[in-house]
Amino acid sequence: MTMTQSLWDLSQSLQQMPIIFVGGKGGVGKTTTAAALAVRFAANKERTLLISTDPAHSLGDVFGTTFAHQKTFVTEYLDVIELDPDFIIDEHFAKVERTISGYANPDMLPKIREHLQLSKSAPGAQEAAMLEAICRQLIEAVEAGYEHVIFDTAPTGHTLRLLVLPEMMEAWTDGLLTQQRRQAKLKSAADHLTPKATSHSNPNSQSNLNRTREAQLSNPFAKDNPSDRWSQAVEVLSRRKNLFKQSGALLHDTAKTAVVLVMTADTLPIAETYRAVQQLKAANLTPKAIIINQLIQANQSDPFWQQRATRQHKLLLDIQHKFTDYSQYKLYLQQSDIIGIEALRRLSDP
């Protein structure tokens, strides 16, 4: 596969792609690449949303400013969101608490809150909350009419999880629905066994009140509208299931979603990128392009840099062999840091 030397060519190949995931090993320049693509699309007057899931908030550093968890207006055609993992996990568990509170015994709520607080630090809790936030942002951005939604995130992590979660959530919710139907049947059977007051008796009489209390003790389903509260909980989960299914459908659509992997011509990034490609292929999500960043010119006057250039040339041959089925783009090491909109625009100039 022939290599080109400009992000311009990449932006042209992604012109019709509404959803773009940019990922790669830490320190290879994926955030700069995602930002440069977003700035290029915005310069072409294409409405673009750039979303970072990096808790280190490096996207703000690239633009030379500070972004918040909310959408920030950067230019007429570019908005940026830097997702805050702490805010997301607090919001996620607050929703979980509200759902559980709808059908849990009030006496158990203090213990439930204590358990949820501890669960925030459980392995995978932050990832699950972040993935749901990514799905929500994706669906909302598409519905808002953005021409491009670019995620600065690692496809080997978040994207692969996004592909698996729809099936997981569907199975989980279907299990809860089955349990709800079983509970409804048991409640109906228990109601037929519950003594009822006769039409001529006083429903507020002491004897009838005693019978009612006995019936409630013998029938654990005879609470205040438990089926209604349980149905509300299942409805919340069903909405989440639909959210993941919608996101999964978009991610599987190769006409709408592109994955761009960024790497450097070094042994470890090459190996990690190769593994990422294999994992993505297994998930039926083929990378659209591979960027080889931080290259240096072939001829150098300094012996150290000449040795580096020679080594990079050999590794480039290995890269061409390993990733022959994918479009490859070369980016050369810049003399200064890429900070600010103008520097990002120059990086993606033709």
Protein backbone atom coordinates (compact mmCIF):
# COMPACT_ATOMS: atom_id res chain seq x y z
CA MET A 1 0.00 0.00 0.00
CA THR A 2 1.45 3.36 -1.02
CA MET A 3 2.09 5.91 1.71
CA THR A 4 1.28 9.61 1.43
CA GLN A 5 2.66 12.44 3.55
CA SER A 6 -0.31 14.59 4.43
CA LEU A 7 -3.34 14.54 6.67
CA TRP A 8 -5.08 16.34 3.81
CA ASP A 9 -5.28 13.10 1.85
CA LEU A 10 -6.66 11.31 4.91
CA SER A 11 -9.29 14.01 5.48
CA GLN A 12 -10.35 13.65 1.85
CA SER A 13 -10.73 9.87 2.20
CA LEU A 14 -12.85 10.40 5.34
CA GLN A 15 -15.02 13.09 3.76
CA GLN A 16 -18.15 10.91 3.72
CA MET A 17 -17.55 9.31 7.14
CA PRO A 18 -19.80 10.77 9.86
CA ILE A 19 -18.16 8.80 12.72
CA ILE A 20 -14.40 8.56 13.20
CA PHE A 21 -12.50 6.88 16.03
CA VAL A 22 -8.83 7.83 16.38
CA GLY A 23 -6.76 5.62 18.64
CA GLY A 24 -3.37 4.19 19.32
CA LYS A 25 -0.70 3.66 21.92
CA GLY A 26 -0.06 6.51 24.36
CA GLY A 27 2.34 9.17 23.12
CA VAL A 28 2.07 8.43 19.39
CA GLY A 29 0.06 11.57 18.55
CA LYS A 30 -3.51 10.33 18.32
CA THR A 31 -4.95 13.38 20.10
CA THR A 32 -3.11 15.76 17.76
CA THR A 33 -4.31 13.71 14.77
CA ALA A 34 -7.94 13.75 15.94
CA ALA A 35 -7.78 17.49 16.59
CA ALA A 36 -6.15 18.21 13.21
CA LEU A 37 -8.84 16.23 11.37
CA ALA A 38 -11.57 18.06 13.27
CA VAL A 39 -10.05 21.45 12.49
CA ARG A 40 -9.71 20.51 8.80
CA PHE A 41 -13.37 19.46 8.52
CA ALA A 42 -14.45 22.63 10.32
CA ALA A 43 -12.29 24.72 7.97
CA ASN A 44 -14.23 23.10 5.12
CA LYS A 45 -17.43 24.37 6.80
CA GLU A 46 -18.49 20.88 7.84
CA ARG A 47 -20.17 20.84 11.24
CA THR A 48 -17.90 18.75 13.48
CA LEU A 49 -17.97 17.50 17.07
CA LEU A 50 -14.68 16.38 18.65
CA ILE A 51 -15.03 14.22 21.79
CA SER A 52 -12.17 13.18 24.06
CA THR A 53 -12.44 10.29 26.50
CA ASP A 54 -8.88 10.76 27.79
CA PRO A 55 -8.95 11.43 31.56
CA ALA A 56 -5.61 13.26 31.22
CA HIS A 57 -7.46 16.05 29.31
CA SER A 58 -4.74 16.29 26.63
CA LEU A 59 -7.20 17.64 24.06
CA GLY A 60 -7.31 20.94 25.91
CA ASP A 61 -3.50 21.04 25.83
CA VAL A 62 -3.48 20.60 22.05
CA PHE A 63 -5.88 23.52 21.57
CA GLY A 64 -4.06 25.60 24.18
CA THR A 65 -7.19 26.07 26.28
CA THR A 66 -9.37 24.35 28.88
CA PHE A 67 -12.43 22.31 28.00
CA ALA A 68 -15.21 21.11 30.28
CA HIS A 69 -17.52 18.12 30.41
CA GLN A 70 -20.10 20.22 28.58
CA LYS A 71 -19.95 21.04 24.87
CA THR A 72 -17.61 23.95 24.14
CA PHE A 73 -17.92 26.20 21.09
CA VAL A 74 -14.49 26.53 19.40
CA THR A 75 -15.34 27.84 15.94
CA GLU A 76 -18.53 28.28 13.94
CA TYR A 77 -18.26 24.69 12.72
CA LEU A 78 -16.37 22.99 15.57
CA ASP A 79 -17.54 21.95 19.04
CA VAL A 80 -15.44 20.07 21.59
CA ILE A 81 -16.31 17.94 24.61
CA GLU A 82 -13.77 16.56 27.06
CA LEU A 83 -15.62 13.84 28.95
CA ASP A 84 -14.93 13.88 32.69
CA PRO A 85 -14.77 10.30 34.05
CA ASP A 86 -15.48 11.41 37.65
CA PHE A 87 -18.58 13.36 36.61
CA ILE A 88 -19.75 10.48 34.43
CA ILE A 89 -19.41 7.81 37.11
CA ASP A 90 -21.18 9.98 39.70
CA GLU A 91 -24.03 10.61 37.26
CA HIS A 92 -24.16 6.92 36.31
CA PHE A 93 -24.46 5.69 39.90
CA ALA A 94 -26.98 8.41 40.75
CA LYS A 95 -29.22 6.99 38.03
CA VAL A 96 -28.67 3.46 39.34
CA GLU A 97 -29.65 4.60 42.84
CA ARG A 98 -32.83 6.29 41.56
CA THR A 99 -33.78 3.12 39.68
CA ILE A 100 -33.19 0.83 42.67
CA SER A 101 -34.98 3.22 45.03
CA GLY A 102 -38.12 2.78 42.95
CA TYR A 103 -38.67 -0.80 44.14
CA ALA A 104 -36.32 -1.37 47.10
CA ASN A 105 -37.42 -1.43 50.73
CA PRO A 106 -36.85 2.09 52.14
CA ASP A 107 -35.12 0.60 55.19
CA MET A 108 -32.49 -0.85 52.86
CA LEU A 109 -31.62 2.43 51.10
CA PRO A 110 -28.74 3.45 53.44
CA LYS A 111 -27.03 0.10 52.85
CA ILE A 112 -27.71 0.32 49.12
CA ARG A 113 -26.12 3.79 48.96
CA GLU A 114 -23.11 2.51 50.88
CA HIS A 115 -22.74 -0.40 48.48
CA LEU A 116 -23.06 1.86 45.42
CA GLN A 117 -20.43 4.22 46.81
CA LEU A 118 -18.00 1.32 47.17
CA SER A 119 -18.93 0.04 43.71
CA LYS A 120 -17.64 3.24 42.12
CA SER A 121 -14.11 1.98 42.73
CA ALA A 122 -14.82 -1.55 41.50
CA PRO A 123 -12.88 -2.78 38.44
CA GLY A 124 -14.71 -1.90 35.25
CA ALA A 125 -17.17 0.52 36.89
CA GLN A 126 -15.63 3.63 35.37
CA GLU A 127 -15.26 1.92 32.00
CA ALA A 128 -18.94 0.88 31.98
CA ALA A 129 -20.06 4.40 32.86
CA MET A 130 -17.75 5.92 30.24
CA LEU A 131 -18.97 3.54 27.54
CA GLU A 132 -22.59 4.43 28.21
CA ALA A 133 -21.65 8.13 28.02
CA ILE A 134 -19.86 7.55 24.70
CA CYS A 135 -22.93 5.80 23.28
CA ARG A 136 -25.20 8.61 24.43
CA GLN A 137 -22.92 11.29 22.97
CA LEU A 138 -22.72 9.36 19.71
CA ILE A 139 -26.49 9.01 19.27
CA GLU A 140 -27.17 12.61 20.34
CA ALA A 141 -24.51 13.97 17.95
CA VAL A 142 -25.92 12.01 15.01
CA GLU A 143 -29.44 13.20 15.83
CA ALA A 144 -28.14 16.79 16.14
CA GLY A 145 -26.98 16.65 12.52
CA TYR A 146 -23.20 16.84 12.90
CA GLU A 147 -21.45 15.92 9.65
CA HIS A 148 -18.51 14.45 11.57
CA VAL A 149 -18.21 13.08 15.10
CA ILE A 150 -14.58 12.36 15.99
CA PHE A 151 -13.63 10.39 19.10
CA ASP A 152 -10.15 10.73 20.54
CA THR A 153 -10.04 7.31 22.18
CA ALA A 154 -8.40 3.90 21.96
CA PRO A 155 -10.34 1.53 19.65
CA THR A 156 -8.68 -1.51 21.22
CA GLY A 157 -10.41 -0.55 24.47
CA HIS A 158 -13.59 1.48 24.16
CA THR A 159 -14.56 0.56 20.62
CA LEU A 160 -14.24 -3.18 21.09
CA ARG A 161 -16.29 -2.93 24.28
CA LEU A 162 -18.92 -0.95 22.42
CA LEU A 163 -19.21 -3.76 19.92
CA VAL A 164 -19.78 -6.38 22.63
CA LEU A 165 -22.04 -4.44 24.98
CA PRO A 166 -25.23 -4.48 22.85
CA GLU A 167 -25.41 -8.28 23.04
CA MET A 168 -24.50 -8.30 26.75
CA MET A 169 -27.10 -5.67 27.63
CA GLU A 170 -29.79 -7.39 25.56
CA ALA A 171 -29.19 -10.71 27.32
CA TRP A 172 -29.16 -9.05 30.75
CA THR A 173 -32.36 -7.09 30.13
CA ASP A 174 -34.14 -10.09 28.64
CA GLY A 175 -33.25 -12.02 31.80
CA LEU A 176 -34.80 -9.28 33.93
CA LEU A 177 -37.91 -9.26 31.75
CA THR A 178 -38.25 -13.02 32.18
CA GLN A 179 -37.93 -12.59 35.93
CA GLN A 180 -40.56 -9.84 35.88
CA ARG A 181 -43.01 -12.06 34.00
CA ARG A 182 -42.38 -14.91 36.43
CA GLN A 183 -42.97 -12.58 39.37
CA ALA A 184 -46.22 -11.34 37.83
CA LYS A 185 -47.47 -14.93 37.48
CA LEU A 186 -46.57 -15.75 41.10
CA LYS A 187 -48.27 -12.58 42.30
CA SER A 188 -51.41 -13.46 40.36
CA ALA A 189 -51.43 -16.96 41.86
CA ALA A 190 -50.82 -15.57 45.35
CA ASP A 191 -53.65 -13.04 44.97
CA HIS A 192 -56.11 -15.89 44.31
CA LEU A 193 -55.08 -17.46 47.63
CA THR A 194 -55.45 -14.23 49.59
CA PRO A 195 -58.63 -14.01 51.75
CA LYS A 196 -60.91 -11.19 50.61
CA ALA A 197 -63.46 -9.22 52.59
CA THR A 198 -67.11 -9.98 51.81
CA SER A 199 -69.18 -7.29 50.14
CA HIS A 200 -71.37 -6.69 53.23
CA SER A 201 -68.50 -6.49 55.68
CA ASN A 202 -66.76 -3.33 56.79
CA PRO A 203 -63.34 -3.19 55.10
CA ASN A 204 -62.03 -1.04 57.96
CA SER A 205 -63.16 -3.38 60.70
CA GLN A 206 -60.50 -4.75 63.02
CA SER A 207 -61.06 -8.32 61.82
CA ASN A 208 -60.65 -7.36 58.18
CA LEU A 209 -57.55 -5.27 58.98
CA ASN A 210 -56.06 -8.27 60.79
CA ARG A 211 -56.83 -10.54 57.83
CA THR A 212 -55.22 -8.01 55.48
CA ARG A 213 -52.04 -7.89 57.57
CA GLU A 214 -51.94 -11.69 57.71
CA ALA A 215 -52.38 -11.85 53.94
CA GLN A 216 -49.53 -9.38 53.42
CA LEU A 217 -47.27 -11.42 55.65
CA SER A 218 -48.15 -14.64 53.83
CA ASN A 219 -47.92 -13.01 50.38
CA PRO A 220 -44.57 -11.27 49.77
CA PHE A 221 -45.91 -9.83 46.52
CA ALA A 222 -48.74 -7.91 48.20
CA LYS A 223 -46.91 -4.57 48.40
CA ASP A 224 -47.93 -1.20 47.09
CA ASN A 225 -47.82 -1.66 43.31
CA PRO A 226 -44.54 -3.62 43.23
CA SER A 227 -45.13 -4.65 39.63
CA ASP A 228 -45.41 -1.00 38.61
CA ARG A 229 -42.14 -0.12 40.31
CA TRP A 230 -40.40 -3.17 38.87
CA SER A 231 -41.72 -2.30 35.41
CA GLN A 232 -40.22 1.18 35.74
CA ALA A 233 -36.84 -0.34 36.57
CA VAL A 234 -37.05 -2.69 33.58
CA GLU A 235 -38.05 0.25 31.37
CA VAL A 236 -34.86 2.08 32.37
CA LEU A 237 -32.78 -0.96 31.48
CA SER A 238 -34.64 -1.41 28.21
CA ARG A 239 -33.80 2.16 27.24
CA ARG A 240 -30.13 1.44 27.96
CA LYS A 241 -30.33 -1.71 25.89
CA ASN A 242 -31.76 0.24 22.95
CA LEU A 243 -29.05 2.87 23.35
CA PHE A 244 -26.32 0.24 23.07
CA LYS A 245 -28.06 -1.48 20.17
CA GLN A 246 -28.30 1.78 18.22
CA SER A 247 -24.64 2.54 18.89
CA GLY A 248 -23.58 -0.98 17.93
CA ALA A 249 -25.47 -0.74 14.65
CA LEU A 250 -23.69 2.52 13.79
CA LEU A 251 -20.27 1.13 14.70
CA HIS A 252 -20.80 -1.95 12.55
CA ASP A 253 -21.81 0.17 9.56
CA THR A 254 -18.59 0.57 7.54
CA ALA A 255 -20.26 3.29 5.47
CA LYS A 256 -20.67 5.43 8.59
CA THR A 257 -17.82 4.54 10.95
CA ALA A 258 -14.07 4.64 10.35
CA VAL A 259 -11.26 3.67 12.69
CA VAL A 260 -7.92 5.43 12.30
CA LEU A 261 -4.92 3.98 14.13
CA VAL A 262 -1.91 6.17 14.90
CA MET A 263 1.54 4.71 15.52
CA THR A 264 5.23 5.56 15.36
CA ALA A 265 7.96 3.63 13.56
CA ASP A 266 9.11 1.89 16.73
CA THR A 267 8.98 -1.75 17.71
CA LEU A 268 6.41 -1.56 20.55
CA PRO A 269 3.85 0.66 18.75
CA ILE A 270 4.10 -1.57 15.67
CA ALA A 271 3.40 -4.68 17.74
CA GLU A 272 0.50 -3.05 19.60
CA THR A 273 -1.05 -1.71 16.41
CA TYR A 274 -0.81 -5.14 14.79
CA ARG A 275 -2.67 -6.69 17.74
CA ALA A 276 -5.27 -3.92 17.56
CA VAL A 277 -5.86 -4.61 13.87
CA GLN A 278 -6.37 -8.31 14.55
CA GLN A 279 -8.84 -7.59 17.36
CA LEU A 280 -10.77 -5.13 15.23
CA LYS A 281 -10.94 -7.60 12.34
CA ALA A 282 -12.29 -10.24 14.73
CA ALA A 283 -15.02 -7.76 15.71
CA ASN A 284 -15.82 -7.09 12.03
CA LEU A 285 -14.52 -3.53 12.26
CA THR A 286 -11.65 -3.04 9.81
CA PRO A 287 -9.37 0.00 10.27
CA LYS A 288 -9.82 2.64 7.60
CA ALA A 289 -6.29 4.01 7.80
CA ILE A 290 -2.99 3.78 9.67
CA ILE A 291 -0.87 6.86 10.37
CA ILE A 292 2.88 6.55 10.95
CA ASN A 293 3.79 9.64 12.95
CA GLN A 294 6.99 11.37 14.13
CA LEU A 295 9.10 10.33 11.15
CA ILE A 296 12.38 12.09 10.31
CA GLN A 297 13.86 12.81 6.90
CA ALA A 298 16.11 10.13 5.39
CA ASN A 299 19.27 12.27 5.14
CA GLN A 300 20.67 13.73 8.36
CA SER A 301 23.97 15.52 9.06
CA ASP A 302 24.12 14.40 12.69
CA PRO A 303 25.26 10.74 13.17
CA PHE A 304 22.69 10.08 15.89
CA TRP A 305 19.77 11.31 13.79
CA GLN A 306 21.10 9.55 10.72
CA GLN A 307 21.10 6.27 12.66
CA ARG A 308 17.53 6.95 13.75
CA ALA A 309 16.50 7.70 10.16
CA THR A 310 18.10 4.51 8.88
CA ARG A 311 16.36 2.46 11.57
CA GLN A 312 13.01 4.10 10.79
CA HIS A 313 13.43 3.27 7.11
CA LYS A 314 13.86 -0.44 7.95
CA LEU A 315 10.84 -0.37 10.25
CA LEU A 316 8.76 1.36 7.56
CA LEU A 317 9.42 -1.60 5.29
CA ASP A 318 8.18 -3.88 8.09
CA ILE A 319 5.09 -1.69 8.52
CA GLN A 320 4.32 -1.84 4.80
CA HIS A 321 4.55 -5.62 4.95
CA LYS A 322 2.45 -6.06 8.13
CA PHE A 323 -0.30 -3.62 7.14
CA THR A 324 -0.37 -4.08 3.39
CA ASP A 325 -4.19 -4.17 3.27
CA TYR A 326 -4.66 -0.72 4.82
CA SER A 327 -4.10 2.84 3.64
CA GLN A 328 -1.00 4.26 5.29
CA TYR A 329 -0.10 7.90 5.86
CA LYS A 330 3.23 9.36 6.93
CA LEU A 331 3.58 12.37 9.23
CA TYR A 332 6.98 13.88 9.88
CA LEU A 333 8.32 15.17 13.18
CA GLN A 334 7.62 18.89 13.53
CA GLN A 335 10.15 21.48 14.66
CA SER A 336 7.81 22.80 17.35
CA ASP A 337 4.81 21.59 19.35
CA ILE A 338 1.43 21.57 17.58
CA ILE A 339 -0.67 23.84 19.79
CA GLY A 340 -3.63 25.94 18.74
CA ILE A 341 -6.06 26.00 15.82
CA GLU A 342 -3.66 27.60 13.32
CA ALA A 343 -0.94 25.01 13.99
CA LEU A 344 -3.48 22.20 13.66
CA ARG A 345 -4.77 23.64 10.41
CA ARG A 346 -1.24 23.88 8.96
CA LEU A 347 -0.65 20.23 9.90
CA SER A 348 -3.62 19.21 7.76
CA ASP A 349 -2.97 21.62 4.86
CA PRO A 350 -2.58 20.06 1.39
